[in-house]
Amino acid sequence: MVIDIIKNKKDISGSGTVPEQQEKVRGRLAIGLLLLFAIVLLLSVMYTLFGSITPEKSDLIKYLLSGLIGMMGVIIGFYYGQNTK
């Protein structure tokens, strides 16, 4: 049974092949990360326009946005690196 699962790349739960499940998870991660980025970007723009910005708060916004952009770059690069095989 285990050898059949490995040969056919079927998941034990029977809900699809392993590559199909990987694509679903990757899609969910990408959507979640893009939503998080959009929320942080929107909140930082709103805070900049309507709130009083201090150098400390400006640095916090820079750190949050640069970290999220870095994570998005790593995830996208890893995803396309996996698909080139």
PDB file of N, CA and C in Angstrom:
ATOM      1  N   MET A   1       0.815  -1.190   0.000  1.00  0.00           N
ATOM      2  CA  MET A   1       0.000   0.000   0.000  1.00  0.00           C
ATOM      3  C   MET A   1       0.863   1.260   0.000  1.00  0.00           C
ATOM      4  N   VAL A   2       1.909   1.308   0.817  1.00  0.00           N
ATOM      5  CA  VAL A   2       2.769   2.479   0.886  1.00  0.00           C
ATOM      6  C   VAL A   2       3.480   2.692  -0.445  1.00  0.00           C
ATOM      7  N   ILE A   3       3.905   1.604  -1.075  1.00  0.00           N
ATOM      8  CA  ILE A   3       4.588   1.714  -2.363  1.00  0.00           C
ATOM      9  C   ILE A   3       3.632   2.242  -3.424  1.00  0.00           C
ATOM     10  N   ASP A   4       2.370   1.823  -3.395  1.00  0.00           N
ATOM     11  CA  ASP A   4       1.378   2.347  -4.328  1.00  0.00           C
ATOM     12  C   ASP A   4       1.165   3.842  -4.133  1.00  0.00           C
ATOM     13  N   ILE A   5       1.151   4.283  -2.891  1.00  0.00           N
ATOM     14  CA  ILE A   5       0.981   5.705  -2.604  1.00  0.00           C
ATOM     15  C   ILE A   5       2.161   6.490  -3.158  1.00  0.00           C
ATOM     16  N   ILE A   6       3.373   5.963  -2.976  1.00  0.00           N
ATOM     17  CA  ILE A   6       4.562   6.658  -3.464  1.00  0.00           C
ATOM     18  C   ILE A   6       4.601   6.664  -4.986  1.00  0.00           C
ATOM     19  N   LYS A   7       4.313   5.536  -5.620  1.00  0.00           N
ATOM     20  CA  LYS A   7       4.362   5.449  -7.081  1.00  0.00           C
ATOM     21  C   LYS A   7       3.321   6.348  -7.736  1.00  0.00           C
ATOM     22  N   ASN A   8       2.117   6.358  -7.220  1.00  0.00           N
ATOM     23  CA  ASN A   8       1.034   7.128  -7.815  1.00  0.00           C
ATOM     24  C   ASN A   8       0.951   8.547  -7.283  1.00  0.00           C
ATOM     25  N   LYS A   9       1.798   8.866  -6.298  1.00  0.00           N
ATOM     26  CA  LYS A   9       1.796  10.173  -5.641  1.00  0.00           C
ATOM     27  C   LYS A   9       0.416  10.524  -5.110  1.00  0.00           C
ATOM     28  N   LYS A  10      -0.259   9.523  -4.575  1.00  0.00           N
ATOM     29  CA  LYS A  10      -1.573   9.753  -3.977  1.00  0.00           C
ATOM     30  C   LYS A  10      -1.403  10.026  -2.490  1.00  0.00           C
ATOM     31  N   ASP A  11      -2.215  10.913  -2.016  1.00  0.00           N
ATOM     32  CA  ASP A  11      -2.228  11.208  -0.594  1.00  0.00           C
ATOM     33  C   ASP A  11      -3.033  10.128   0.116  1.00  0.00           C
ATOM     34  N   ILE A  12      -2.720   9.904   1.368  1.00  0.00           N
ATOM     35  CA  ILE A  12      -3.411   8.884   2.151  1.00  0.00           C
ATOM     36  C   ILE A  12      -4.891   9.223   2.287  1.00  0.00           C
ATOM     37  N   SER A  13      -5.208  10.502   2.401  1.00  0.00           N
ATOM     38  CA  SER A  13      -6.606  10.889   2.579  1.00  0.00           C
ATOM     39  C   SER A  13      -7.409  10.730   1.295  1.00  0.00           C
ATOM     40  N   GLY A  14      -6.731  10.614   0.147  1.00  0.00           N
ATOM     41  CA  GLY A  14      -7.419  10.420  -1.117  1.00  0.00           C
ATOM     42  C   GLY A  14      -8.029  11.685  -1.682  1.00  0.00           C
ATOM     43  N   SER A  15      -7.621  12.830  -1.189  1.00  0.00           N
ATOM     44  CA  SER A  15      -8.219  14.084  -1.653  1.00  0.00           C
ATOM     45  C   SER A  15      -7.465  14.696  -2.825  1.00  0.00           C
ATOM     46  N   GLY A  16      -6.610  13.955  -3.475  1.00  0.00           N
ATOM     47  CA  GLY A  16      -5.866  14.463  -4.625  1.00  0.00           C
ATOM     48  C   GLY A  16      -4.420  14.052  -4.547  1.00  0.00           C
ATOM     49  N   THR A  17      -3.715  14.310  -5.613  1.00  0.00           N
ATOM     50  CA  THR A  17      -2.299  13.961  -5.630  1.00  0.00           C
ATOM     51  C   THR A  17      -1.523  14.967  -4.794  1.00  0.00           C
ATOM     52  N   VAL A  18      -0.320  14.588  -4.455  1.00  0.00           N
ATOM     53  CA  VAL A  18       0.517  15.460  -3.631  1.00  0.00           C
ATOM     54  C   VAL A  18       0.817  16.783  -4.347  1.00  0.00           C
ATOM     55  N   PRO A  19       1.180  16.782  -5.638  1.00  0.00           N
ATOM     56  CA  PRO A  19       1.399  18.082  -6.299  1.00  0.00           C
ATOM     57  C   PRO A  19       0.163  18.969  -6.325  1.00  0.00           C
ATOM     58  N   GLU A  20      -1.020  18.394  -6.457  1.00  0.00           N
ATOM     59  CA  GLU A  20      -2.244  19.198  -6.421  1.00  0.00           C
ATOM     60  C   GLU A  20      -2.432  19.844  -5.057  1.00  0.00           C
ATOM     61  N   GLN A  21      -2.164  19.090  -4.012  1.00  0.00           N
ATOM     62  CA  GLN A  21      -2.297  19.633  -2.665  1.00  0.00           C
ATOM     63  C   GLN A  21      -1.247  20.699  -2.401  1.00  0.00           C
ATOM     64  N   GLN A  22      -0.029  20.498  -2.936  1.00  0.00           N
ATOM     65  CA  GLN A  22       1.015  21.500  -2.768  1.00  0.00           C
ATOM     66  C   GLN A  22       0.617  22.806  -3.439  1.00  0.00           C
ATOM     67  N   GLU A  23       0.031  22.723  -4.612  1.00  0.00           N
ATOM     68  CA  GLU A  23      -0.405  23.929  -5.312  1.00  0.00           C
ATOM     69  C   GLU A  23      -1.497  24.656  -4.543  1.00  0.00           C
ATOM     70  N   LYS A  24      -2.403  23.907  -3.938  1.00  0.00           N
ATOM     71  CA  LYS A  24      -3.459  24.534  -3.141  1.00  0.00           C
ATOM     72  C   LYS A  24      -2.867  25.281  -1.952  1.00  0.00           C
ATOM     73  N   VAL A  25      -1.923  24.643  -1.268  1.00  0.00           N
ATOM     74  CA  VAL A  25      -1.308  25.266  -0.096  1.00  0.00           C
ATOM     75  C   VAL A  25      -0.494  26.484  -0.516  1.00  0.00           C
ATOM     76  N   ARG A  26       0.245  26.370  -1.602  1.00  0.00           N
ATOM     77  CA  ARG A  26       1.021  27.516  -2.089  1.00  0.00           C
ATOM     78  C   ARG A  26       0.106  28.675  -2.455  1.00  0.00           C
ATOM     79  N   GLY A  27      -1.003  28.367  -3.075  1.00  0.00           N
ATOM     80  CA  GLY A  27      -1.953  29.420  -3.422  1.00  0.00           C
ATOM     81  C   GLY A  27      -2.517  30.102  -2.198  1.00  0.00           C
ATOM     82  N   ARG A  28      -2.856  29.321  -1.195  1.00  0.00           N
ATOM     83  CA  ARG A  28      -3.388  29.894   0.050  1.00  0.00           C
ATOM     84  C   ARG A  28      -2.346  30.763   0.739  1.00  0.00           C
ATOM     85  N   LEU A  29      -1.092  30.293   0.762  1.00  0.00           N
ATOM     86  CA  LEU A  29      -0.028  31.091   1.369  1.00  0.00           C
ATOM     87  C   LEU A  29       0.177  32.397   0.619  1.00  0.00           C
ATOM     88  N   ALA A  30       0.158  32.336  -0.704  1.00  0.00           N
ATOM     89  CA  ALA A  30       0.353  33.541  -1.503  1.00  0.00           C
ATOM     90  C   ALA A  30      -0.779  34.536  -1.274  1.00  0.00           C
ATOM     91  N   ILE A  31      -2.003  34.055  -1.251  1.00  0.00           N
ATOM     92  CA  ILE A  31      -3.147  34.940  -1.016  1.00  0.00           C
ATOM     93  C   ILE A  31      -3.073  35.554   0.383  1.00  0.00           C
ATOM     94  N   GLY A  32      -2.751  34.743   1.365  1.00  0.00           N
ATOM     95  CA  GLY A  32      -2.636  35.251   2.730  1.00  0.00           C
ATOM     96  C   GLY A  32      -1.550  36.302   2.867  1.00  0.00           C
ATOM     97  N   LEU A  33      -0.404  36.060   2.240  1.00  0.00           N
ATOM     98  CA  LEU A  33       0.688  37.019   2.319  1.00  0.00           C
ATOM     99  C   LEU A  33       0.354  38.310   1.579  1.00  0.00           C
ATOM    100  N   LEU A  34      -0.300  38.197   0.441  1.00  0.00           N
ATOM    101  CA  LEU A  34      -0.708  39.399  -0.285  1.00  0.00           C
ATOM    102  C   LEU A  34      -1.751  40.199   0.501  1.00  0.00           C
ATOM    103  N   LEU A  35      -2.676  39.512   1.154  1.00  0.00           N
ATOM    104  CA  LEU A  35      -3.659  40.211   1.993  1.00  0.00           C
ATOM    105  C   LEU A  35      -2.985  40.915   3.165  1.00  0.00           C
ATOM    106  N   LEU A  36      -2.037  40.249   3.792  1.00  0.00           N
ATOM    107  CA  LEU A  36      -1.310  40.856   4.899  1.00  0.00           C
ATOM    108  C   LEU A  36      -0.551  42.088   4.427  1.00  0.00           C
ATOM    109  N   PHE A  37       0.095  41.985   3.266  1.00  0.00           N
ATOM    110  CA  PHE A  37       0.822  43.120   2.705  1.00  0.00           C
ATOM    111  C   PHE A  37      -0.130  44.272   2.401  1.00  0.00           C
ATOM    112  N   ALA A  38      -1.274  43.964   1.811  1.00  0.00           N
ATOM    113  CA  ALA A  38      -2.245  45.004   1.471  1.00  0.00           C
ATOM    114  C   ALA A  38      -2.770  45.695   2.727  1.00  0.00           C
ATOM    115  N   ILE A  39      -3.020  44.926   3.771  1.00  0.00           N
ATOM    116  CA  ILE A  39      -3.524  45.507   5.022  1.00  0.00           C
ATOM    117  C   ILE A  39      -2.478  46.426   5.636  1.00  0.00           C
ATOM    118  N   VAL A  40      -1.235  45.963   5.706  1.00  0.00           N
ATOM    119  CA  VAL A  40      -0.172  46.786   6.291  1.00  0.00           C
ATOM    120  C   VAL A  40       0.051  48.040   5.455  1.00  0.00           C
ATOM    121  N   LEU A  41       0.032  47.893   4.135  1.00  0.00           N
ATOM    122  CA  LEU A  41       0.232  49.045   3.262  1.00  0.00           C
ATOM    123  C   LEU A  41      -0.911  50.049   3.423  1.00  0.00           C
ATOM    124  N   LEU A  42      -2.136  49.557   3.438  1.00  0.00           N
ATOM    125  CA  LEU A  42      -3.295  50.437   3.593  1.00  0.00           C
ATOM    126  C   LEU A  42      -3.273  51.153   4.939  1.00  0.00           C
ATOM    127  N   LEU A  43      -2.985  50.418   6.002  1.00  0.00           N
ATOM    128  CA  LEU A  43      -2.946  51.037   7.325  1.00  0.00           C
ATOM    129  C   LEU A  43      -1.823  52.059   7.439  1.00  0.00           C
ATOM    130  N   SER A  44      -0.686  51.774   6.835  1.00  0.00           N
ATOM    131  CA  SER A  44       0.418  52.726   6.921  1.00  0.00           C
ATOM    132  C   SER A  44       0.119  53.993   6.113  1.00  0.00           C
ATOM    133  N   VAL A  45      -0.530  53.853   4.963  1.00  0.00           N
ATOM    134  CA  VAL A  45      -0.907  55.037   4.183  1.00  0.00           C
ATOM    135  C   VAL A  45      -1.955  55.854   4.938  1.00  0.00           C
ATOM    136  N   MET A  46      -2.952  55.177   5.499  1.00  0.00           N
ATOM    137  CA  MET A  46      -3.983  55.890   6.257  1.00  0.00           C
ATOM    138  C   MET A  46      -3.377  56.590   7.472  1.00  0.00           C
ATOM    139  N   TYR A  47      -2.474  55.904   8.146  1.00  0.00           N
ATOM    140  CA  TYR A  47      -1.860  56.490   9.332  1.00  0.00           C
ATOM    141  C   TYR A  47      -1.002  57.692   8.948  1.00  0.00           C
ATOM    142  N   THR A  48      -0.309  57.591   7.809  1.00  0.00           N
ATOM    143  CA  THR A  48       0.529  58.698   7.361  1.00  0.00           C
ATOM    144  C   THR A  48      -0.318  59.908   6.969  1.00  0.00           C
ATOM    145  N   LEU A  49      -1.442  59.664   6.315  1.00  0.00           N
ATOM    146  CA  LEU A  49      -2.279  60.772   5.868  1.00  0.00           C
ATOM    147  C   LEU A  49      -3.082  61.402   6.994  1.00  0.00           C
ATOM    148  N   PHE A  50      -3.604  60.574   7.909  1.00  0.00           N
ATOM    149  CA  PHE A  50      -4.543  61.083   8.907  1.00  0.00           C
ATOM    150  C   PHE A  50      -3.988  61.147  10.323  1.00  0.00           C
ATOM    151  N   GLY A  51      -2.837  60.603  10.561  1.00  0.00           N
ATOM    152  CA  GLY A  51      -2.279  60.596  11.912  1.00  0.00           C
ATOM    153  C   GLY A  51      -1.016  61.433  11.979  1.00  0.00           C
ATOM    154  N   SER A  52      -0.554  61.627  13.175  1.00  0.00           N
ATOM    155  CA  SER A  52       0.707  62.357  13.337  1.00  0.00           C
ATOM    156  C   SER A  52       1.844  61.331  13.258  1.00  0.00           C
ATOM    157  N   ILE A  53       2.734  61.542  12.326  1.00  0.00           N
ATOM    158  CA  ILE A  53       3.822  60.595  12.104  1.00  0.00           C
ATOM    159  C   ILE A  53       5.065  61.091  12.836  1.00  0.00           C
ATOM    160  N   THR A  54       5.686  60.192  13.556  1.00  0.00           N
ATOM    161  CA  THR A  54       6.939  60.494  14.237  1.00  0.00           C
ATOM    162  C   THR A  54       8.038  59.646  13.606  1.00  0.00           C
ATOM    163  N   PRO A  55       9.285  59.992  13.847  1.00  0.00           N
ATOM    164  CA  PRO A  55      10.368  59.181  13.261  1.00  0.00           C
ATOM    165  C   PRO A  55      10.327  57.715  13.704  1.00  0.00           C
ATOM    166  N   GLU A  56       9.901  57.465  14.933  1.00  0.00           N
ATOM    167  CA  GLU A  56       9.820  56.079  15.416  1.00  0.00           C
ATOM    168  C   GLU A  56       8.747  55.305  14.655  1.00  0.00           C
ATOM    169  N   LYS A  57       7.627  55.951  14.439  1.00  0.00           N
ATOM    170  CA  LYS A  57       6.536  55.295  13.725  1.00  0.00           C
ATOM    171  C   LYS A  57       6.877  55.123  12.247  1.00  0.00           C
ATOM    172  N   SER A  58       7.604  56.076  11.709  1.00  0.00           N
ATOM    173  CA  SER A  58       8.046  55.965  10.325  1.00  0.00           C
ATOM    174  C   SER A  58       9.008  54.782  10.169  1.00  0.00           C
ATOM    175  N   ASP A  59       9.896  54.618  11.133  1.00  0.00           N
ATOM    176  CA  ASP A  59      10.816  53.473  11.090  1.00  0.00           C
ATOM    177  C   ASP A  59      10.070  52.153  11.203  1.00  0.00           C
ATOM    178  N   LEU A  60       9.041  52.102  12.038  1.00  0.00           N
ATOM    179  CA  LEU A  60       8.247  50.883  12.187  1.00  0.00           C
ATOM    180  C   LEU A  60       7.571  50.504  10.868  1.00  0.00           C
ATOM    181  N   ILE A  61       7.011  51.493  10.192  1.00  0.00           N
ATOM    182  CA  ILE A  61       6.377  51.233   8.901  1.00  0.00           C
ATOM    183  C   ILE A  61       7.400  50.707   7.904  1.00  0.00           C
ATOM    184  N   LYS A  62       8.590  51.312   7.888  1.00  0.00           N
ATOM    185  CA  LYS A  62       9.643  50.852   6.974  1.00  0.00           C
ATOM    186  C   LYS A  62      10.031  49.414   7.266  1.00  0.00           C
ATOM    187  N   TYR A  63      10.182  49.073   8.543  1.00  0.00           N
ATOM    188  CA  TYR A  63      10.573  47.711   8.909  1.00  0.00           C
ATOM    189  C   TYR A  63       9.499  46.694   8.530  1.00  0.00           C
ATOM    190  N   LEU A  64       8.245  47.042   8.780  1.00  0.00           N
ATOM    191  CA  LEU A  64       7.161  46.123   8.438  1.00  0.00           C
ATOM    192  C   LEU A  64       7.073  45.895   6.936  1.00  0.00           C
ATOM    193  N   LEU A  65       7.103  46.974   6.169  1.00  0.00           N
ATOM    194  CA  LEU A  65       6.984  46.835   4.719  1.00  0.00           C
ATOM    195  C   LEU A  65       8.185  46.127   4.106  1.00  0.00           C
ATOM    196  N   SER A  66       9.391  46.448   4.565  1.00  0.00           N
ATOM    197  CA  SER A  66      10.566  45.785   3.991  1.00  0.00           C
ATOM    198  C   SER A  66      10.598  44.303   4.343  1.00  0.00           C
ATOM    199  N   GLY A  67      10.160  43.962   5.537  1.00  0.00           N
ATOM    200  CA  GLY A  67      10.096  42.543   5.908  1.00  0.00           C
ATOM    201  C   GLY A  67       9.083  41.769   5.080  1.00  0.00           C
ATOM    202  N   LEU A  68       7.915  42.354   4.891  1.00  0.00           N
ATOM    203  CA  LEU A  68       6.881  41.690   4.085  1.00  0.00           C
ATOM    204  C   LEU A  68       7.295  41.564   2.623  1.00  0.00           C
ATOM    205  N   ILE A  69       7.912  42.602   2.078  1.00  0.00           N
ATOM    206  CA  ILE A  69       8.368  42.536   0.696  1.00  0.00           C
ATOM    207  C   ILE A  69       9.456  41.469   0.551  1.00  0.00           C
ATOM    208  N   GLY A  70      10.336  41.378   1.527  1.00  0.00           N
ATOM    209  CA  GLY A  70      11.369  40.342   1.500  1.00  0.00           C
ATOM    210  C   GLY A  70      10.782  38.943   1.550  1.00  0.00           C
ATOM    211  N   MET A  71       9.795  38.736   2.424  1.00  0.00           N
ATOM    212  CA  MET A  71       9.147  37.421   2.499  1.00  0.00           C
ATOM    213  C   MET A  71       8.432  37.079   1.202  1.00  0.00           C
ATOM    214  N   MET A  72       7.766  38.057   0.613  1.00  0.00           N
ATOM    215  CA  MET A  72       7.078  37.799  -0.650  1.00  0.00           C
ATOM    216  C   MET A  72       8.077  37.430  -1.738  1.00  0.00           C
ATOM    217  N   GLY A  73       9.214  38.100  -1.770  1.00  0.00           N
ATOM    218  CA  GLY A  73      10.243  37.778  -2.758  1.00  0.00           C
ATOM    219  C   GLY A  73      10.797  36.384  -2.582  1.00  0.00           C
ATOM    220  N   VAL A  74      11.038  35.987  -1.351  1.00  0.00           N
ATOM    221  CA  VAL A  74      11.558  34.646  -1.086  1.00  0.00           C
ATOM    222  C   VAL A  74      10.540  33.581  -1.480  1.00  0.00           C
ATOM    223  N   ILE A  75       9.289  33.790  -1.128  1.00  0.00           N
ATOM    224  CA  ILE A  75       8.262  32.798  -1.434  1.00  0.00           C
ATOM    225  C   ILE A  75       8.036  32.693  -2.940  1.00  0.00           C
ATOM    226  N   ILE A  76       7.975  33.816  -3.628  1.00  0.00           N
ATOM    227  CA  ILE A  76       7.787  33.782  -5.079  1.00  0.00           C
ATOM    228  C   ILE A  76       8.993  33.144  -5.756  1.00  0.00           C
ATOM    229  N   GLY A  77      10.194  33.485  -5.322  1.00  0.00           N
ATOM    230  CA  GLY A  77      11.396  32.878  -5.892  1.00  0.00           C
ATOM    231  C   GLY A  77      11.465  31.387  -5.656  1.00  0.00           C
ATOM    232  N   PHE A  78      11.087  30.953  -4.464  1.00  0.00           N
ATOM    233  CA  PHE A  78      11.082  29.525  -4.165  1.00  0.00           C
ATOM    234  C   PHE A  78      10.049  28.808  -5.003  1.00  0.00           C
ATOM    235  N   TYR A  79       8.889  29.419  -5.179  1.00  0.00           N
ATOM    236  CA  TYR A  79       7.817  28.806  -5.953  1.00  0.00           C
ATOM    237  C   TYR A  79       8.242  28.619  -7.402  1.00  0.00           C
ATOM    238  N   TYR A  80       8.767  29.660  -8.019  1.00  0.00           N
ATOM    239  CA  TYR A  80       9.169  29.522  -9.421  1.00  0.00           C
ATOM    240  C   TYR A  80      10.415  28.662  -9.568  1.00  0.00           C
ATOM    241  N   GLY A  81      11.252  28.623  -8.549  1.00  0.00           N
ATOM    242  CA  GLY A  81      12.404  27.720  -8.579  1.00  0.00           C
ATOM    243  C   GLY A  81      11.968  26.273  -8.545  1.00  0.00           C
ATOM    244  N   GLN A  82      10.901  25.957  -7.837  1.00  0.00           N
ATOM    245  CA  GLN A  82      10.376  24.594  -7.778  1.00  0.00           C
ATOM    246  C   GLN A  82       9.741  24.187  -9.103  1.00  0.00           C
ATOM    247  N   ASN A  83       9.156  25.129  -9.817  1.00  0.00           N
ATOM    248  CA  ASN A  83       8.448  24.816 -11.061  1.00  0.00           C
ATOM    249  C   ASN A  83       9.367  24.653 -12.249  1.00  0.00           C
ATOM    250  N   THR A  84      10.639  24.985 -12.141  1.00  0.00           N
ATOM    251  CA  THR A  84      11.551  24.867 -13.273  1.00  0.00           C
ATOM    252  C   THR A  84      12.085  23.464 -13.458  1.00  0.00           C
ATOM    253  N   LYS A  85      11.825  22.592 -12.534  1.00  0.00           N
ATOM    254  CA  LYS A  85      12.337  21.211 -12.628  1.00  0.00           C
ATOM    255  C   LYS A  85      11.545  20.398 -13.611  1.00  0.00           C
TER     256      LYS A  85
END
